[in-house]
Amino acid sequence: MTEQTPQEEPKQKREPRDAAYWASYAETLKVTGVAEGATNINVEGRRAVGPLQGFGQLWQKTYRIGLKGADVTPAEVIKTWKDNYQDFWPEGNRFYAPLAGIAPGEVALISGSLPGGVKLSTGVMVLYADDESFSLMTPEGHPFSGWITFSSFEEEGTTVAQAQVLMRANDPLYEMGLRMGVHKMENEIWRKTLENLAAHFDVHEPVEMNLVCVDPKLQWNQYRNIWHNAGIRSALYMMTAPFRSRRKGSER
């Protein structure tokens, strides 16, 4: 008789310990449940895009505030931020949280303000979320391609709240807008957001900002991104609203 060697059992693929905190891979975004007042015209069916898919200069922007004197842990800060995200945003902007809350893979719709009175309809996907941080990723057509990471941590005995953006303007038109003043508008949004978050914990400290242009070059191979420009599509949607109303009326 010939001696048979025992067959090795197939090794089971081990998932990373933080796998549950990451969004599952998906080709395109899907919005489940549209809140009243939200407009889902630039998110459904779009791809999520990062800095590699953007057109403009690459920026890393960090906004942070120390919650001095507040008896609060980083986990409590992030839970509060997730549960009340809309309440901390400046006026004129609206964040329609997913029904399941800020959880990995969920998609939120956003209504923002653009020059000229145009309401920008866009959104974000929750790329990552755990007890002390969460990251949002933008869809095609959003003003920028990139990630926004919100975190909280202790530093020298003080709990710190931080928002960090790694981004490129999505297309040539958005890049022009950033250079003509939209950078300042965006900085103001995150400064005010952190001030509102800190005020919730009865803290009134200045927000520190660190703005770094990591790569000044433009990615000209991404100029076609303008096809999905949510600002243009939102403006056209507003302009055609009367025609849609007439059509609905004639169909009744």
C-alpha atoms as a PDB file:
ATOM      1  CA  MET A   1       0.000   0.000   0.000  1.00  0.00           C
ATOM      2  CA  THR A   2       1.129   3.488  -0.749  1.00  0.00           C
ATOM      3  CA  GLU A   3       1.109   5.955   2.072  1.00  0.00           C
ATOM      4  CA  GLN A   4      -1.226   8.894   1.455  1.00  0.00           C
ATOM      5  CA  THR A   5      -0.382  12.345   2.736  1.00  0.00           C
ATOM      6  CA  PRO A   6      -3.253  14.125   4.439  1.00  0.00           C
ATOM      7  CA  GLN A   7      -4.711  16.976   2.418  1.00  0.00           C
ATOM      8  CA  GLU A   8      -4.309  20.416   3.880  1.00  0.00           C
ATOM      9  CA  GLU A   9      -7.549  22.102   4.815  1.00  0.00           C
ATOM     10  CA  PRO A  10      -8.095  25.354   2.903  1.00  0.00           C
ATOM     11  CA  LYS A  11      -7.123  28.344   4.948  1.00  0.00           C
ATOM     12  CA  GLN A  12      -9.991  30.588   5.861  1.00  0.00           C
ATOM     13  CA  LYS A  13      -9.645  34.167   4.728  1.00  0.00           C
ATOM     14  CA  ARG A  14      -9.334  36.381   7.752  1.00  0.00           C
ATOM     15  CA  GLU A  15     -11.141  39.695   7.740  1.00  0.00           C
ATOM     16  CA  PRO A  16      -9.278  42.722   9.119  1.00  0.00           C
ATOM     17  CA  ARG A  17     -10.274  43.532  12.684  1.00  0.00           C
ATOM     18  CA  ASP A  18     -11.815  46.831  11.581  1.00  0.00           C
ATOM     19  CA  ALA A  19     -13.659  45.401   8.541  1.00  0.00           C
ATOM     20  CA  ALA A  20     -17.062  46.109  10.111  1.00  0.00           C
ATOM     21  CA  TYR A  21     -16.267  49.830  10.202  1.00  0.00           C
ATOM     22  CA  TRP A  22     -15.638  50.135   6.448  1.00  0.00           C
ATOM     23  CA  ALA A  23     -18.223  50.478   3.674  1.00  0.00           C
ATOM     24  CA  SER A  24     -18.554  47.456   1.404  1.00  0.00           C
ATOM     25  CA  TYR A  25     -17.394  47.897  -2.169  1.00  0.00           C
ATOM     26  CA  ALA A  26     -20.047  49.082  -4.610  1.00  0.00           C
ATOM     27  CA  GLU A  27     -19.715  50.232  -8.227  1.00  0.00           C
ATOM     28  CA  THR A  28     -22.256  53.026  -7.778  1.00  0.00           C
ATOM     29  CA  LEU A  29     -24.106  54.762  -4.945  1.00  0.00           C
ATOM     30  CA  LYS A  30     -27.654  53.879  -3.980  1.00  0.00           C
ATOM     31  CA  VAL A  31     -29.890  56.103  -1.854  1.00  0.00           C
ATOM     32  CA  THR A  32     -32.300  54.214   0.383  1.00  0.00           C
ATOM     33  CA  GLY A  33     -35.152  56.436   1.481  1.00  0.00           C
ATOM     34  CA  VAL A  34     -35.221  60.093   0.442  1.00  0.00           C
ATOM     35  CA  ALA A  35     -36.102  62.449   3.279  1.00  0.00           C
ATOM     36  CA  GLU A  36     -38.771  65.095   2.757  1.00  0.00           C
ATOM     37  CA  GLY A  37     -37.241  68.170   1.129  1.00  0.00           C
ATOM     38  CA  ALA A  38     -34.214  66.319  -0.247  1.00  0.00           C
ATOM     39  CA  THR A  39     -33.466  66.121  -3.973  1.00  0.00           C
ATOM     40  CA  ASN A  40     -31.804  63.007  -5.303  1.00  0.00           C
ATOM     41  CA  ILE A  41     -30.646  64.110  -8.756  1.00  0.00           C
ATOM     42  CA  ASN A  42     -26.838  63.938  -8.479  1.00  0.00           C
ATOM     43  CA  VAL A  43     -26.155  60.956  -6.223  1.00  0.00           C
ATOM     44  CA  GLU A  44     -28.099  57.839  -7.258  1.00  0.00           C
ATOM     45  CA  GLY A  45     -26.017  55.794  -9.707  1.00  0.00           C
ATOM     46  CA  ARG A  46     -22.897  57.944  -9.345  1.00  0.00           C
ATOM     47  CA  ARG A  47     -19.495  56.558  -8.387  1.00  0.00           C
ATOM     48  CA  ALA A  48     -17.763  57.575  -5.171  1.00  0.00           C
ATOM     49  CA  VAL A  49     -14.554  59.434  -6.060  1.00  0.00           C
ATOM     50  CA  GLY A  50     -11.360  60.248  -4.188  1.00  0.00           C
ATOM     51  CA  PRO A  51      -8.482  62.660  -4.830  1.00  0.00           C
ATOM     52  CA  LEU A  52      -7.042  60.454  -7.591  1.00  0.00           C
ATOM     53  CA  GLN A  53     -10.164  61.034  -9.680  1.00  0.00           C
ATOM     54  CA  GLY A  54     -10.221  64.815  -9.190  1.00  0.00           C
ATOM     55  CA  PHE A  55      -9.047  67.599 -11.508  1.00  0.00           C
ATOM     56  CA  GLY A  56      -7.677  70.433  -9.379  1.00  0.00           C
ATOM     57  CA  GLN A  57      -4.851  71.069  -6.976  1.00  0.00           C
ATOM     58  CA  LEU A  58      -4.556  68.598  -4.098  1.00  0.00           C
ATOM     59  CA  TRP A  59      -5.270  70.168  -0.697  1.00  0.00           C
ATOM     60  CA  GLN A  60      -5.155  68.852   2.838  1.00  0.00           C
ATOM     61  CA  LYS A  61      -7.119  71.052   5.209  1.00  0.00           C
ATOM     62  CA  THR A  62      -7.220  70.440   8.940  1.00  0.00           C
ATOM     63  CA  TYR A  63      -9.609  72.213  11.312  1.00  0.00           C
ATOM     64  CA  ARG A  64      -9.461  71.482  15.049  1.00  0.00           C
ATOM     65  CA  ILE A  65     -10.650  72.819  18.360  1.00  0.00           C
ATOM     66  CA  GLY A  66      -9.679  71.896  21.914  1.00  0.00           C
ATOM     67  CA  LEU A  67     -12.659  71.300  24.186  1.00  0.00           C
ATOM     68  CA  LYS A  68     -10.945  72.871  27.174  1.00  0.00           C
ATOM     69  CA  GLY A  69     -12.757  72.416  30.460  1.00  0.00           C
ATOM     70  CA  ALA A  70     -15.345  70.020  28.988  1.00  0.00           C
ATOM     71  CA  ASP A  71     -15.692  66.702  30.793  1.00  0.00           C
ATOM     72  CA  VAL A  72     -16.267  64.703  27.636  1.00  0.00           C
ATOM     73  CA  THR A  73     -14.555  61.712  26.039  1.00  0.00           C
ATOM     74  CA  PRO A  74     -13.639  61.386  22.335  1.00  0.00           C
ATOM     75  CA  ALA A  75     -16.303  58.683  21.946  1.00  0.00           C
ATOM     76  CA  GLU A  76     -18.953  60.999  23.398  1.00  0.00           C
ATOM     77  CA  VAL A  77     -17.893  63.778  21.019  1.00  0.00           C
ATOM     78  CA  ILE A  78     -18.182  61.537  17.954  1.00  0.00           C
ATOM     79  CA  LYS A  79     -21.529  60.101  19.046  1.00  0.00           C
ATOM     80  CA  THR A  80     -22.867  63.622  19.519  1.00  0.00           C
ATOM     81  CA  TRP A  81     -21.460  64.679  16.144  1.00  0.00           C
ATOM     82  CA  LYS A  82     -23.045  61.719  14.348  1.00  0.00           C
ATOM     83  CA  ASP A  83     -26.424  62.134  16.017  1.00  0.00           C
ATOM     84  CA  ASN A  84     -26.614  65.909  15.454  1.00  0.00           C
ATOM     85  CA  TYR A  85     -24.578  66.463  12.295  1.00  0.00           C
ATOM     86  CA  GLN A  86     -27.136  68.758  10.679  1.00  0.00           C
ATOM     87  CA  ASP A  87     -27.495  70.912  13.806  1.00  0.00           C
ATOM     88  CA  PHE A  88     -23.798  71.834  13.731  1.00  0.00           C
ATOM     89  CA  TRP A  89     -23.763  72.922  10.091  1.00  0.00           C
ATOM     90  CA  PRO A  90     -24.006  76.666   9.280  1.00  0.00           C
ATOM     91  CA  GLU A  91     -27.312  78.042   8.042  1.00  0.00           C
ATOM     92  CA  GLY A  92     -27.993  77.684   4.329  1.00  0.00           C
ATOM     93  CA  ASN A  93     -26.809  74.089   4.159  1.00  0.00           C
ATOM     94  CA  ARG A  94     -28.846  70.957   4.787  1.00  0.00           C
ATOM     95  CA  PHE A  95     -27.612  67.435   5.562  1.00  0.00           C
ATOM     96  CA  TYR A  96     -30.246  64.722   5.188  1.00  0.00           C
ATOM     97  CA  ALA A  97     -28.891  61.906   7.337  1.00  0.00           C
ATOM     98  CA  PRO A  98     -29.509  58.317   6.206  1.00  0.00           C
ATOM     99  CA  LEU A  99     -32.339  56.478   7.959  1.00  0.00           C
ATOM    100  CA  ALA A 100     -29.760  54.131   9.477  1.00  0.00           C
ATOM    101  CA  GLY A 101     -27.682  57.067  10.692  1.00  0.00           C
ATOM    102  CA  ILE A 102     -24.011  57.687   9.944  1.00  0.00           C
ATOM    103  CA  ALA A 103     -22.948  54.082   9.421  1.00  0.00           C
ATOM    104  CA  PRO A 104     -20.557  52.423   6.931  1.00  0.00           C
ATOM    105  CA  GLY A 105     -21.952  52.330   3.394  1.00  0.00           C
ATOM    106  CA  GLU A 106     -24.900  54.647   4.057  1.00  0.00           C
ATOM    107  CA  VAL A 107     -25.516  57.557   1.680  1.00  0.00           C
ATOM    108  CA  ALA A 108     -26.679  61.018   2.773  1.00  0.00           C
ATOM    109  CA  LEU A 109     -28.107  63.756   0.569  1.00  0.00           C
ATOM    110  CA  ILE A 110     -26.948  67.365   0.849  1.00  0.00           C
ATOM    111  CA  SER A 111     -28.458  70.687  -0.160  1.00  0.00           C
ATOM    112  CA  GLY A 112     -25.954  73.528  -0.210  1.00  0.00           C
ATOM    113  CA  SER A 113     -25.844  77.160  -1.310  1.00  0.00           C
ATOM    114  CA  LEU A 114     -24.042  78.349  -4.435  1.00  0.00           C
ATOM    115  CA  PRO A 115     -23.481  81.918  -5.696  1.00  0.00           C
ATOM    116  CA  GLY A 116     -26.473  83.227  -7.628  1.00  0.00           C
ATOM    117  CA  GLY A 117     -29.043  81.625  -5.358  1.00  0.00           C
ATOM    118  CA  VAL A 118     -28.585  78.141  -6.824  1.00  0.00           C
ATOM    119  CA  LYS A 119     -29.248  75.261  -4.437  1.00  0.00           C
ATOM    120  CA  LEU A 120     -26.610  72.587  -4.922  1.00  0.00           C
ATOM    121  CA  SER A 121     -27.987  69.062  -4.696  1.00  0.00           C
ATOM    122  CA  THR A 122     -25.323  66.476  -3.926  1.00  0.00           C
ATOM    123  CA  GLY A 123     -24.461  63.952  -1.227  1.00  0.00           C
ATOM    124  CA  VAL A 124     -21.805  61.842   0.475  1.00  0.00           C
ATOM    125  CA  MET A 125     -21.177  58.199   1.272  1.00  0.00           C
ATOM    126  CA  VAL A 126     -20.082  57.075   4.738  1.00  0.00           C
ATOM    127  CA  LEU A 127     -16.769  55.400   3.947  1.00  0.00           C
ATOM    128  CA  TYR A 128     -15.783  54.575   7.549  1.00  0.00           C
ATOM    129  CA  ALA A 129     -17.322  54.948  10.987  1.00  0.00           C
ATOM    130  CA  ASP A 130     -16.236  53.771  14.426  1.00  0.00           C
ATOM    131  CA  ASP A 131     -16.564  55.105  17.972  1.00  0.00           C
ATOM    132  CA  GLU A 132     -13.974  57.866  17.633  1.00  0.00           C
ATOM    133  CA  SER A 133     -14.060  58.858  13.955  1.00  0.00           C
ATOM    134  CA  PHE A 134     -16.022  58.751  10.719  1.00  0.00           C
ATOM    135  CA  SER A 135     -15.138  59.535   7.111  1.00  0.00           C
ATOM    136  CA  LEU A 136     -17.328  60.737   4.258  1.00  0.00           C
ATOM    137  CA  MET A 137     -16.520  60.266   0.557  1.00  0.00           C
ATOM    138  CA  THR A 138     -17.877  62.421  -2.257  1.00  0.00           C
ATOM    139  CA  PRO A 139     -19.721  61.305  -5.419  1.00  0.00           C
ATOM    140  CA  GLU A 140     -19.081  62.291  -9.019  1.00  0.00           C
ATOM    141  CA  GLY A 141     -20.224  65.857  -9.633  1.00  0.00           C
ATOM    142  CA  HIS A 142     -19.605  67.057  -6.067  1.00  0.00           C
ATOM    143  CA  PRO A 143     -17.544  70.282  -5.845  1.00  0.00           C
ATOM    144  CA  PHE A 144     -14.530  68.218  -4.838  1.00  0.00           C
ATOM    145  CA  SER A 145     -13.243  64.658  -5.081  1.00  0.00           C
ATOM    146  CA  GLY A 146     -12.005  63.415  -1.764  1.00  0.00           C
ATOM    147  CA  TRP A 147     -12.555  62.420   1.836  1.00  0.00           C
ATOM    148  CA  ILE A 148     -13.620  64.294   4.953  1.00  0.00           C
ATOM    149  CA  THR A 149     -12.599  62.652   8.218  1.00  0.00           C
ATOM    150  CA  PHE A 150     -14.109  63.722  11.532  1.00  0.00           C
ATOM    151  CA  SER A 151     -12.298  62.547  14.629  1.00  0.00           C
ATOM    152  CA  SER A 152     -11.816  63.167  18.310  1.00  0.00           C
ATOM    153  CA  PHE A 153      -8.855  62.298  20.502  1.00  0.00           C
ATOM    154  CA  GLU A 154      -7.066  63.352  23.672  1.00  0.00           C
ATOM    155  CA  GLU A 155      -4.056  65.633  23.526  1.00  0.00           C
ATOM    156  CA  GLU A 156      -2.236  66.808  26.659  1.00  0.00           C
ATOM    157  CA  GLY A 157      -5.260  66.032  28.799  1.00  0.00           C
ATOM    158  CA  THR A 158      -7.744  67.859  26.550  1.00  0.00           C
ATOM    159  CA  THR A 159     -10.283  66.274  24.218  1.00  0.00           C
ATOM    160  CA  VAL A 160      -9.857  67.625  20.681  1.00  0.00           C
ATOM    161  CA  ALA A 161     -12.429  67.630  17.858  1.00  0.00           C
ATOM    162  CA  GLN A 162     -11.059  67.680  14.327  1.00  0.00           C
ATOM    163  CA  ALA A 163     -12.234  67.741  10.713  1.00  0.00           C
ATOM    164  CA  GLN A 164      -9.688  66.950   8.011  1.00  0.00           C
ATOM    165  CA  VAL A 165     -10.302  67.239   4.268  1.00  0.00           C
ATOM    166  CA  LEU A 166      -8.150  65.694   1.521  1.00  0.00           C
ATOM    167  CA  MET A 167      -9.503  66.992  -1.766  1.00  0.00           C
ATOM    168  CA  ARG A 168      -9.146  68.113  -5.352  1.00  0.00           C
ATOM    169  CA  ALA A 169     -11.710  70.226  -7.197  1.00  0.00           C
ATOM    170  CA  ASN A 170     -13.746  67.787  -9.270  1.00  0.00           C
ATOM    171  CA  ASP A 171     -13.541  69.659 -12.582  1.00  0.00           C
ATOM    172  CA  PRO A 172     -12.133  72.862 -14.186  1.00  0.00           C
ATOM    173  CA  LEU A 173     -15.208  74.936 -13.307  1.00  0.00           C
ATOM    174  CA  TYR A 174     -15.039  74.014  -9.626  1.00  0.00           C
ATOM    175  CA  GLU A 175     -11.275  74.677  -9.603  1.00  0.00           C
ATOM    176  CA  MET A 176     -11.922  78.184 -10.939  1.00  0.00           C
ATOM    177  CA  GLY A 177     -14.555  78.718  -8.252  1.00  0.00           C
ATOM    178  CA  LEU A 178     -12.205  77.598  -5.474  1.00  0.00           C
ATOM    179  CA  ARG A 179      -9.579  80.088  -6.601  1.00  0.00           C
ATOM    180  CA  MET A 180     -12.159  82.880  -6.788  1.00  0.00           C
ATOM    181  CA  GLY A 181     -13.314  82.551  -3.190  1.00  0.00           C
ATOM    182  CA  VAL A 182     -14.935  79.164  -2.628  1.00  0.00           C
ATOM    183  CA  HIS A 183     -11.886  78.029  -0.628  1.00  0.00           C
ATOM    184  CA  LYS A 184     -12.710  80.762   1.908  1.00  0.00           C
ATOM    185  CA  MET A 185     -16.394  79.749   1.918  1.00  0.00           C
ATOM    186  CA  GLU A 186     -15.466  76.132   2.607  1.00  0.00           C
ATOM    187  CA  ASN A 187     -13.059  77.091   5.380  1.00  0.00           C
ATOM    188  CA  GLU A 188     -15.841  79.118   6.983  1.00  0.00           C
ATOM    189  CA  ILE A 189     -18.231  76.132   6.850  1.00  0.00           C
ATOM    190  CA  TRP A 190     -15.870  73.883   8.802  1.00  0.00           C
ATOM    191  CA  ARG A 191     -14.798  76.644  11.198  1.00  0.00           C
ATOM    192  CA  LYS A 192     -18.436  77.345  12.053  1.00  0.00           C
ATOM    193  CA  THR A 193     -19.229  73.631  12.305  1.00  0.00           C
ATOM    194  CA  LEU A 194     -16.503  73.091  14.903  1.00  0.00           C
ATOM    195  CA  GLU A 195     -17.528  76.205  16.808  1.00  0.00           C
ATOM    196  CA  ASN A 196     -21.121  74.934  16.957  1.00  0.00           C
ATOM    197  CA  LEU A 197     -19.969  71.488  18.084  1.00  0.00           C
ATOM    198  CA  ALA A 198     -17.809  73.015  20.826  1.00  0.00           C
ATOM    199  CA  ALA A 199     -20.648  75.318  21.937  1.00  0.00           C
ATOM    200  CA  HIS A 200     -22.786  72.209  22.482  1.00  0.00           C
ATOM    201  CA  PHE A 201     -20.288  71.307  25.229  1.00  0.00           C
ATOM    202  CA  ASP A 202     -20.235  74.924  26.482  1.00  0.00           C
ATOM    203  CA  VAL A 203     -16.772  75.556  25.026  1.00  0.00           C
ATOM    204  CA  HIS A 204     -15.932  78.772  23.180  1.00  0.00           C
ATOM    205  CA  GLU A 205     -12.402  78.516  21.834  1.00  0.00           C
ATOM    206  CA  PRO A 206     -10.907  79.577  18.474  1.00  0.00           C
ATOM    207  CA  VAL A 207     -10.655  77.001  15.701  1.00  0.00           C
ATOM    208  CA  GLU A 208      -7.154  76.224  14.446  1.00  0.00           C
ATOM    209  CA  MET A 209      -6.783  75.846  10.662  1.00  0.00           C
ATOM    210  CA  ASN A 210      -3.880  74.291   8.764  1.00  0.00           C
ATOM    211  CA  LEU A 211      -4.258  74.569   4.983  1.00  0.00           C
ATOM    212  CA  VAL A 212      -1.631  72.832   2.844  1.00  0.00           C
ATOM    213  CA  CYS A 213      -1.474  72.588  -0.947  1.00  0.00           C
ATOM    214  CA  VAL A 214       0.078  69.121  -1.276  1.00  0.00           C
ATOM    215  CA  ASP A 215       0.215  69.126  -5.083  1.00  0.00           C
ATOM    216  CA  PRO A 216      -0.243  72.365  -7.102  1.00  0.00           C
ATOM    217  CA  LYS A 217      -0.540  70.525 -10.430  1.00  0.00           C
ATOM    218  CA  LEU A 218      -3.839  70.037 -12.275  1.00  0.00           C
ATOM    219  CA  GLN A 219      -4.889  66.613 -13.519  1.00  0.00           C
ATOM    220  CA  TRP A 220      -5.915  67.562 -17.056  1.00  0.00           C
ATOM    221  CA  ASN A 221      -6.846  63.973 -17.904  1.00  0.00           C
ATOM    222  CA  GLN A 222      -9.848  64.431 -15.578  1.00  0.00           C
ATOM    223  CA  TYR A 223     -11.337  67.478 -17.340  1.00  0.00           C
ATOM    224  CA  ARG A 224     -14.323  65.412 -18.520  1.00  0.00           C
ATOM    225  CA  ASN A 225     -15.572  65.329 -14.920  1.00  0.00           C
ATOM    226  CA  ILE A 226     -17.451  68.515 -15.784  1.00  0.00           C
ATOM    227  CA  TRP A 227     -20.115  66.319 -17.426  1.00  0.00           C
ATOM    228  CA  HIS A 228     -21.334  65.329 -13.933  1.00  0.00           C
ATOM    229  CA  ASN A 229     -21.008  68.838 -12.417  1.00  0.00           C
ATOM    230  CA  ALA A 230     -23.737  68.915  -9.749  1.00  0.00           C
ATOM    231  CA  GLY A 231     -23.817  72.719  -9.724  1.00  0.00           C
ATOM    232  CA  ILE A 232     -24.714  72.897 -13.413  1.00  0.00           C
ATOM    233  CA  ARG A 233     -27.207  70.043 -13.137  1.00  0.00           C
ATOM    234  CA  SER A 234     -28.806  71.586 -10.026  1.00  0.00           C
ATOM    235  CA  ALA A 235     -29.221  74.930 -11.823  1.00  0.00           C
ATOM    236  CA  LEU A 236     -30.833  73.217 -14.825  1.00  0.00           C
ATOM    237  CA  TYR A 237     -33.123  71.287 -12.468  1.00  0.00           C
ATOM    238  CA  MET A 238     -34.268  74.563 -10.873  1.00  0.00           C
ATOM    239  CA  MET A 239     -34.789  76.236 -14.267  1.00  0.00           C
ATOM    240  CA  THR A 240     -36.944  73.380 -15.559  1.00  0.00           C
ATOM    241  CA  ALA A 241     -39.088  73.121 -12.406  1.00  0.00           C
ATOM    242  CA  PRO A 242     -42.054  75.070 -13.940  1.00  0.00           C
ATOM    243  CA  PHE A 243     -42.147  72.719 -16.948  1.00  0.00           C
ATOM    244  CA  ARG A 244     -42.158  69.656 -14.689  1.00  0.00           C
ATOM    245  CA  SER A 245     -45.048  71.130 -12.687  1.00  0.00           C
ATOM    246  CA  ARG A 246     -47.054  71.764 -15.860  1.00  0.00           C
ATOM    247  CA  ARG A 247     -46.410  68.244 -17.078  1.00  0.00           C
ATOM    248  CA  LYS A 248     -47.589  66.745 -13.796  1.00  0.00           C
ATOM    249  CA  GLY A 249     -50.701  68.926 -13.924  1.00  0.00           C
ATOM    250  CA  SER A 250     -51.559  67.805 -17.460  1.00  0.00           C
ATOM    251  CA  GLU A 251     -51.157  64.144 -16.516  1.00  0.00           C
ATOM    252  CA  ARG A 252     -53.817  64.362 -13.794  1.00  0.00           C
END
